Amino acid sequence: MVQEPKPSRGMPRSLLYALIPVGFLILVAFMVLSGRDTSETATEAAVEADNTVPQPVEEAAGTQAPAEPAN
């Protein structure tokens, strides 16, 4: 039988293989926690949506004139 070569330097493979999923979990936890800090409320989202909607240009080709409000 052939013996497997043992690593002469560095960390053992088992430790390296354990660090890969641990690093992934740390990355996911960081992204989830940082997303909570910057989450916006529904009111903030509505204000932002109102500010970003393009307004129609008056008398532009292919657009309708804005409707007059009924009194």
PDB file of N, CA and C in Angstrom:
ATOM      1  N   MET A   1       0.820  -1.176   0.000  1.00  0.00           N
ATOM      2  CA  MET A   1       0.000   0.000   0.000  1.00  0.00           C
ATOM      3  C   MET A   1       0.873   1.252   0.000  1.00  0.00           C
ATOM      4  N   VAL A   2       0.344   2.262  -0.654  1.00  0.00           N
ATOM      5  CA  VAL A   2       1.073   3.526  -0.721  1.00  0.00           C
ATOM      6  C   VAL A   2       0.598   4.427   0.403  1.00  0.00           C
ATOM      7  N   GLN A   3       1.540   4.978   1.120  1.00  0.00           N
ATOM      8  CA  GLN A   3       1.189   5.880   2.219  1.00  0.00           C
ATOM      9  C   GLN A   3       0.921   7.276   1.667  1.00  0.00           C
ATOM     10  N   GLU A   4      -0.080   7.941   2.264  1.00  0.00           N
ATOM     11  CA  GLU A   4      -0.368   9.306   1.850  1.00  0.00           C
ATOM     12  C   GLU A   4       0.713  10.236   2.389  1.00  0.00           C
ATOM     13  N   PRO A   5       1.131  11.191   1.565  1.00  0.00           N
ATOM     14  CA  PRO A   5       2.148  12.118   2.063  1.00  0.00           C
ATOM     15  C   PRO A   5       1.554  13.036   3.122  1.00  0.00           C
ATOM     16  N   LYS A   6       2.325  13.286   4.163  1.00  0.00           N
ATOM     17  CA  LYS A   6       1.872  14.176   5.226  1.00  0.00           C
ATOM     18  C   LYS A   6       2.401  15.574   4.942  1.00  0.00           C
ATOM     19  N   PRO A   7       1.567  16.599   5.142  1.00  0.00           N
ATOM     20  CA  PRO A   7       2.054  17.949   4.907  1.00  0.00           C
ATOM     21  C   PRO A   7       3.156  18.286   5.905  1.00  0.00           C
ATOM     22  N   SER A   8       4.233  18.834   5.384  1.00  0.00           N
ATOM     23  CA  SER A   8       5.367  19.127   6.259  1.00  0.00           C
ATOM     24  C   SER A   8       5.269  20.519   6.871  1.00  0.00           C
ATOM     25  N   ARG A   9       4.470  21.390   6.268  1.00  0.00           N
ATOM     26  CA  ARG A   9       4.305  22.719   6.847  1.00  0.00           C
ATOM     27  C   ARG A   9       2.892  23.206   6.584  1.00  0.00           C
ATOM     28  N   GLY A  10       2.500  24.267   7.277  1.00  0.00           N
ATOM     29  CA  GLY A  10       1.156  24.779   7.125  1.00  0.00           C
ATOM     30  C   GLY A  10       0.185  24.070   8.047  1.00  0.00           C
ATOM     31  N   MET A  11      -1.091  24.413   7.910  1.00  0.00           N
ATOM     32  CA  MET A  11      -2.102  23.821   8.773  1.00  0.00           C
ATOM     33  C   MET A  11      -2.596  22.503   8.185  1.00  0.00           C
ATOM     34  N   PRO A  12      -3.066  21.626   9.010  1.00  0.00           N
ATOM     35  CA  PRO A  12      -3.593  20.352   8.501  1.00  0.00           C
ATOM     36  C   PRO A  12      -4.823  20.575   7.613  1.00  0.00           C
ATOM     37  N   ARG A  13      -5.021  19.657   6.702  1.00  0.00           N
ATOM     38  CA  ARG A  13      -6.140  19.788   5.758  1.00  0.00           C
ATOM     39  C   ARG A  13      -7.477  19.801   6.462  1.00  0.00           C
ATOM     40  N   SER A  14      -7.632  19.039   7.514  1.00  0.00           N
ATOM     41  CA  SER A  14      -8.913  18.989   8.214  1.00  0.00           C
ATOM     42  C   SER A  14      -9.284  20.357   8.776  1.00  0.00           C
ATOM     43  N   LEU A  15      -8.301  21.078   9.282  1.00  0.00           N
ATOM     44  CA  LEU A  15      -8.571  22.414   9.801  1.00  0.00           C
ATOM     45  C   LEU A  15      -8.929  23.366   8.665  1.00  0.00           C
ATOM     46  N   LEU A  16      -8.249  23.251   7.565  1.00  0.00           N
ATOM     47  CA  LEU A  16      -8.543  24.083   6.402  1.00  0.00           C
ATOM     48  C   LEU A  16      -9.945  23.796   5.883  1.00  0.00           C
ATOM     49  N   TYR A  17     -10.321  22.531   5.813  1.00  0.00           N
ATOM     50  CA  TYR A  17     -11.656  22.167   5.344  1.00  0.00           C
ATOM     51  C   TYR A  17     -12.741  22.641   6.313  1.00  0.00           C
ATOM     52  N   ALA A  18     -12.439  22.744   7.589  1.00  0.00           N
ATOM     53  CA  ALA A  18     -13.406  23.244   8.563  1.00  0.00           C
ATOM     54  C   ALA A  18     -13.533  24.755   8.475  1.00  0.00           C
ATOM     55  N   LEU A  19     -12.487  25.460   8.087  1.00  0.00           N
ATOM     56  CA  LEU A  19     -12.529  26.919   8.025  1.00  0.00           C
ATOM     57  C   LEU A  19     -13.364  27.436   6.854  1.00  0.00           C
ATOM     58  N   ILE A  20     -13.497  26.659   5.791  1.00  0.00           N
ATOM     59  CA  ILE A  20     -14.249  27.117   4.619  1.00  0.00           C
ATOM     60  C   ILE A  20     -15.724  27.361   4.973  1.00  0.00           C
ATOM     61  N   PRO A  21     -16.464  26.408   5.537  1.00  0.00           N
ATOM     62  CA  PRO A  21     -17.862  26.710   5.882  1.00  0.00           C
ATOM     63  C   PRO A  21     -17.988  27.733   7.014  1.00  0.00           C
ATOM     64  N   VAL A  22     -17.032  27.766   7.925  1.00  0.00           N
ATOM     65  CA  VAL A  22     -17.077  28.753   9.011  1.00  0.00           C
ATOM     66  C   VAL A  22     -16.941  30.159   8.429  1.00  0.00           C
ATOM     67  N   GLY A  23     -16.042  30.334   7.484  1.00  0.00           N
ATOM     68  CA  GLY A  23     -15.883  31.629   6.836  1.00  0.00           C
ATOM     69  C   GLY A  23     -17.130  32.035   6.073  1.00  0.00           C
ATOM     70  N   PHE A  24     -17.772  31.079   5.439  1.00  0.00           N
ATOM     71  CA  PHE A  24     -19.010  31.358   4.720  1.00  0.00           C
ATOM     72  C   PHE A  24     -20.100  31.812   5.678  1.00  0.00           C
ATOM     73  N   LEU A  25     -20.237  31.139   6.812  1.00  0.00           N
ATOM     74  CA  LEU A  25     -21.253  31.523   7.790  1.00  0.00           C
ATOM     75  C   LEU A  25     -20.977  32.904   8.368  1.00  0.00           C
ATOM     76  N   ILE A  26     -19.705  33.227   8.594  1.00  0.00           N
ATOM     77  CA  ILE A  26     -19.355  34.560   9.088  1.00  0.00           C
ATOM     78  C   ILE A  26     -19.710  35.610   8.049  1.00  0.00           C
ATOM     79  N   LEU A  27     -19.454  35.340   6.778  1.00  0.00           N
ATOM     80  CA  LEU A  27     -19.782  36.275   5.705  1.00  0.00           C
ATOM     81  C   LEU A  27     -21.295  36.496   5.620  1.00  0.00           C
ATOM     82  N   VAL A  28     -22.072  35.435   5.692  1.00  0.00           N
ATOM     83  CA  VAL A  28     -23.533  35.552   5.634  1.00  0.00           C
ATOM     84  C   VAL A  28     -24.046  36.328   6.844  1.00  0.00           C
ATOM     85  N   ALA A  29     -23.525  36.041   8.029  1.00  0.00           N
ATOM     86  CA  ALA A  29     -23.958  36.757   9.234  1.00  0.00           C
ATOM     87  C   ALA A  29     -23.637  38.240   9.118  1.00  0.00           C
ATOM     88  N   PHE A  30     -22.485  38.577   8.585  1.00  0.00           N
ATOM     89  CA  PHE A  30     -22.110  39.980   8.408  1.00  0.00           C
ATOM     90  C   PHE A  30     -23.055  40.677   7.443  1.00  0.00           C
ATOM     91  N   MET A  31     -23.397  40.020   6.333  1.00  0.00           N
ATOM     92  CA  MET A  31     -24.290  40.639   5.354  1.00  0.00           C
ATOM     93  C   MET A  31     -25.695  40.822   5.927  1.00  0.00           C
ATOM     94  N   VAL A  32     -26.185  39.854   6.690  1.00  0.00           N
ATOM     95  CA  VAL A  32     -27.519  39.961   7.281  1.00  0.00           C
ATOM     96  C   VAL A  32     -27.549  41.078   8.311  1.00  0.00           C
ATOM     97  N   LEU A  33     -26.553  41.132   9.174  1.00  0.00           N
ATOM     98  CA  LEU A  33     -26.548  42.149  10.222  1.00  0.00           C
ATOM     99  C   LEU A  33     -26.324  43.542   9.658  1.00  0.00           C
ATOM    100  N   SER A  34     -25.518  43.692   8.648  1.00  0.00           N
ATOM    101  CA  SER A  34     -25.311  45.012   8.064  1.00  0.00           C
ATOM    102  C   SER A  34     -26.529  45.445   7.266  1.00  0.00           C
ATOM    103  N   GLY A  35     -27.302  44.526   6.744  1.00  0.00           N
ATOM    104  CA  GLY A  35     -28.531  44.854   6.032  1.00  0.00           C
ATOM    105  C   GLY A  35     -29.608  45.355   6.965  1.00  0.00           C
ATOM    106  N   ARG A  36     -29.629  44.894   8.194  1.00  0.00           N
ATOM    107  CA  ARG A  36     -30.606  45.374   9.166  1.00  0.00           C
ATOM    108  C   ARG A  36     -30.336  46.817   9.541  1.00  0.00           C
ATOM    109  N   ASP A  37     -29.079  47.210   9.610  1.00  0.00           N
ATOM    110  CA  ASP A  37     -28.745  48.573  10.002  1.00  0.00           C
ATOM    111  C   ASP A  37     -29.190  49.577   8.961  1.00  0.00           C
ATOM    112  N   THR A  38     -29.163  49.200   7.703  1.00  0.00           N
ATOM    113  CA  THR A  38     -29.476  50.147   6.642  1.00  0.00           C
ATOM    114  C   THR A  38     -30.879  49.946   6.074  1.00  0.00           C
ATOM    115  N   SER A  39     -31.694  49.141   6.720  1.00  0.00           N
ATOM    116  CA  SER A  39     -33.034  48.908   6.183  1.00  0.00           C
ATOM    117  C   SER A  39     -33.864  50.179   6.330  1.00  0.00           C
ATOM    118  N   GLU A  40     -34.696  50.431   5.335  1.00  0.00           N
ATOM    119  CA  GLU A  40     -35.516  51.631   5.346  1.00  0.00           C
ATOM    120  C   GLU A  40     -36.948  51.281   5.689  1.00  0.00           C
ATOM    121  N   THR A  41     -37.656  52.244   6.215  1.00  0.00           N
ATOM    122  CA  THR A  41     -39.050  52.014   6.563  1.00  0.00           C
ATOM    123  C   THR A  41     -39.901  52.156   5.307  1.00  0.00           C
ATOM    124  N   ALA A  42     -41.164  51.781   5.412  1.00  0.00           N
ATOM    125  CA  ALA A  42     -42.069  51.879   4.268  1.00  0.00           C
ATOM    126  C   ALA A  42     -42.283  53.336   3.877  1.00  0.00           C
ATOM    127  N   THR A  43     -42.308  54.233   4.857  1.00  0.00           N
ATOM    128  CA  THR A  43     -42.491  55.653   4.568  1.00  0.00           C
ATOM    129  C   THR A  43     -41.305  56.200   3.779  1.00  0.00           C
ATOM    130  N   GLU A  44     -40.100  55.830   4.189  1.00  0.00           N
ATOM    131  CA  GLU A  44     -38.911  56.283   3.467  1.00  0.00           C
ATOM    132  C   GLU A  44     -38.899  55.749   2.042  1.00  0.00           C
ATOM    133  N   ALA A  45     -39.323  54.513   1.867  1.00  0.00           N
ATOM    134  CA  ALA A  45     -39.345  53.924   0.531  1.00  0.00           C
ATOM    135  C   ALA A  45     -40.368  54.627  -0.343  1.00  0.00           C
ATOM    136  N   ALA A  46     -41.522  55.001   0.219  1.00  0.00           N
ATOM    137  CA  ALA A  46     -42.550  55.686  -0.559  1.00  0.00           C
ATOM    138  C   ALA A  46     -42.086  57.072  -0.979  1.00  0.00           C
ATOM    139  N   VAL A  47     -41.409  57.780  -0.090  1.00  0.00           N
ATOM    140  CA  VAL A  47     -40.897  59.108  -0.427  1.00  0.00           C
ATOM    141  C   VAL A  47     -39.859  59.003  -1.521  1.00  0.00           C
ATOM    142  N   GLU A  48     -38.989  58.003  -1.412  1.00  0.00           N
ATOM    143  CA  GLU A  48     -37.956  57.822  -2.438  1.00  0.00           C
ATOM    144  C   GLU A  48     -38.577  57.456  -3.779  1.00  0.00           C
ATOM    145  N   ALA A  49     -39.608  56.619  -3.774  1.00  0.00           N
ATOM    146  CA  ALA A  49     -40.260  56.218  -5.020  1.00  0.00           C
ATOM    147  C   ALA A  49     -40.941  57.410  -5.674  1.00  0.00           C
ATOM    148  N   ASP A  50     -41.543  58.297  -4.879  1.00  0.00           N
ATOM    149  CA  ASP A  50     -42.196  59.481  -5.437  1.00  0.00           C
ATOM    150  C   ASP A  50     -41.181  60.425  -6.080  1.00  0.00           C
ATOM    151  N   ASN A  51     -40.006  60.499  -5.499  1.00  0.00           N
ATOM    152  CA  ASN A  51     -38.987  61.419  -6.012  1.00  0.00           C
ATOM    153  C   ASN A  51     -38.310  60.905  -7.271  1.00  0.00           C
ATOM    154  N   THR A  52     -38.360  59.620  -7.519  1.00  0.00           N
ATOM    155  CA  THR A  52     -37.634  59.059  -8.650  1.00  0.00           C
ATOM    156  C   THR A  52     -38.504  58.797  -9.873  1.00  0.00           C
ATOM    157  N   VAL A  53     -39.827  59.001  -9.761  1.00  0.00           N
ATOM    158  CA  VAL A  53     -40.713  58.763 -10.896  1.00  0.00           C
ATOM    159  C   VAL A  53     -40.591  59.940 -11.862  1.00  0.00           C
ATOM    160  N   PRO A  54     -40.284  59.700 -13.118  1.00  0.00           N
ATOM    161  CA  PRO A  54     -40.161  60.827 -14.053  1.00  0.00           C
ATOM    162  C   PRO A  54     -41.520  61.455 -14.322  1.00  0.00           C
ATOM    163  N   GLN A  55     -41.522  62.758 -14.368  1.00  0.00           N
ATOM    164  CA  GLN A  55     -42.753  63.503 -14.632  1.00  0.00           C
ATOM    165  C   GLN A  55     -42.916  63.677 -16.138  1.00  0.00           C
ATOM    166  N   PRO A  56     -44.159  63.640 -16.656  1.00  0.00           N
ATOM    167  CA  PRO A  56     -44.361  63.786 -18.098  1.00  0.00           C
ATOM    168  C   PRO A  56     -44.026  65.211 -18.547  1.00  0.00           C
ATOM    169  N   VAL A  57     -43.489  65.313 -19.736  1.00  0.00           N
ATOM    170  CA  VAL A  57     -43.156  66.606 -20.318  1.00  0.00           C
ATOM    171  C   VAL A  57     -44.400  67.104 -21.043  1.00  0.00           C
ATOM    172  N   GLU A  58     -44.775  68.353 -20.773  1.00  0.00           N
ATOM    173  CA  GLU A  58     -45.973  68.902 -21.406  1.00  0.00           C
ATOM    174  C   GLU A  58     -45.743  69.082 -22.894  1.00  0.00           C
ATOM    175  N   GLU A  59     -46.742  68.728 -23.662  1.00  0.00           N
ATOM    176  CA  GLU A  59     -46.751  68.871 -25.114  1.00  0.00           C
ATOM    177  C   GLU A  59     -45.617  68.110 -25.805  1.00  0.00           C
ATOM    178  N   ALA A  60     -45.170  67.031 -25.217  1.00  0.00           N
ATOM    179  CA  ALA A  60     -44.165  66.200 -25.869  1.00  0.00           C
ATOM    180  C   ALA A  60     -44.878  65.230 -26.798  1.00  0.00           C
ATOM    181  N   ALA A  61     -44.205  64.816 -27.856  1.00  0.00           N
ATOM    182  CA  ALA A  61     -44.819  63.923 -28.821  1.00  0.00           C
ATOM    183  C   ALA A  61     -45.112  62.577 -28.167  1.00  0.00           C
ATOM    184  N   GLY A  62     -46.339  62.076 -28.360  1.00  0.00           N
ATOM    185  CA  GLY A  62     -46.702  60.764 -27.858  1.00  0.00           C
ATOM    186  C   GLY A  62     -47.154  60.749 -26.418  1.00  0.00           C
ATOM    187  N   THR A  63     -47.290  61.902 -25.776  1.00  0.00           N
ATOM    188  CA  THR A  63     -47.752  61.916 -24.383  1.00  0.00           C
ATOM    189  C   THR A  63     -49.089  62.633 -24.318  1.00  0.00           C
ATOM    190  N   GLN A  64     -49.848  62.280 -23.325  1.00  0.00           N
ATOM    191  CA  GLN A  64     -51.134  62.922 -23.123  1.00  0.00           C
ATOM    192  C   GLN A  64     -50.965  64.061 -22.135  1.00  0.00           C
ATOM    193  N   ALA A  65     -51.817  65.073 -22.287  1.00  0.00           N
ATOM    194  CA  ALA A  65     -51.806  66.179 -21.339  1.00  0.00           C
ATOM    195  C   ALA A  65     -52.310  65.687 -20.001  1.00  0.00           C
ATOM    196  N   PRO A  66     -51.762  66.208 -18.903  1.00  0.00           N
ATOM    197  CA  PRO A  66     -52.240  65.764 -17.593  1.00  0.00           C
ATOM    198  C   PRO A  66     -53.708  66.124 -17.400  1.00  0.00           C
ATOM    199  N   ALA A  67     -54.441  65.241 -16.751  1.00  0.00           N
ATOM    200  CA  ALA A  67     -55.872  65.461 -16.543  1.00  0.00           C
ATOM    201  C   ALA A  67     -56.063  66.566 -15.524  1.00  0.00           C
ATOM    202  N   GLU A  68     -57.065  67.389 -15.760  1.00  0.00           N
ATOM    203  CA  GLU A  68     -57.399  68.463 -14.824  1.00  0.00           C
ATOM    204  C   GLU A  68     -58.179  67.863 -13.670  1.00  0.00           C
ATOM    205  N   PRO A  69     -57.857  68.277 -12.458  1.00  0.00           N
ATOM    206  CA  PRO A  69     -58.624  67.749 -11.301  1.00  0.00           C
ATOM    207  C   PRO A  69     -60.050  68.291 -11.308  1.00  0.00           C
ATOM    208  N   ALA A  70     -61.001  67.452 -10.977  1.00  0.00           N
ATOM    209  CA  ALA A  70     -62.417  67.854 -10.940  1.00  0.00           C
ATOM    210  C   ALA A  70     -62.687  68.610  -9.660  1.00  0.00           C
ATOM    211  N   ASN A  71     -63.373  69.743  -9.780  1.00  0.00           N
ATOM    212  CA  ASN A  71     -63.704  70.545  -8.605  1.00  0.00           C
ATOM    213  C   ASN A  71     -65.080  70.269  -8.120  1.00  0.00           C
TER     214      ASN A  71
END
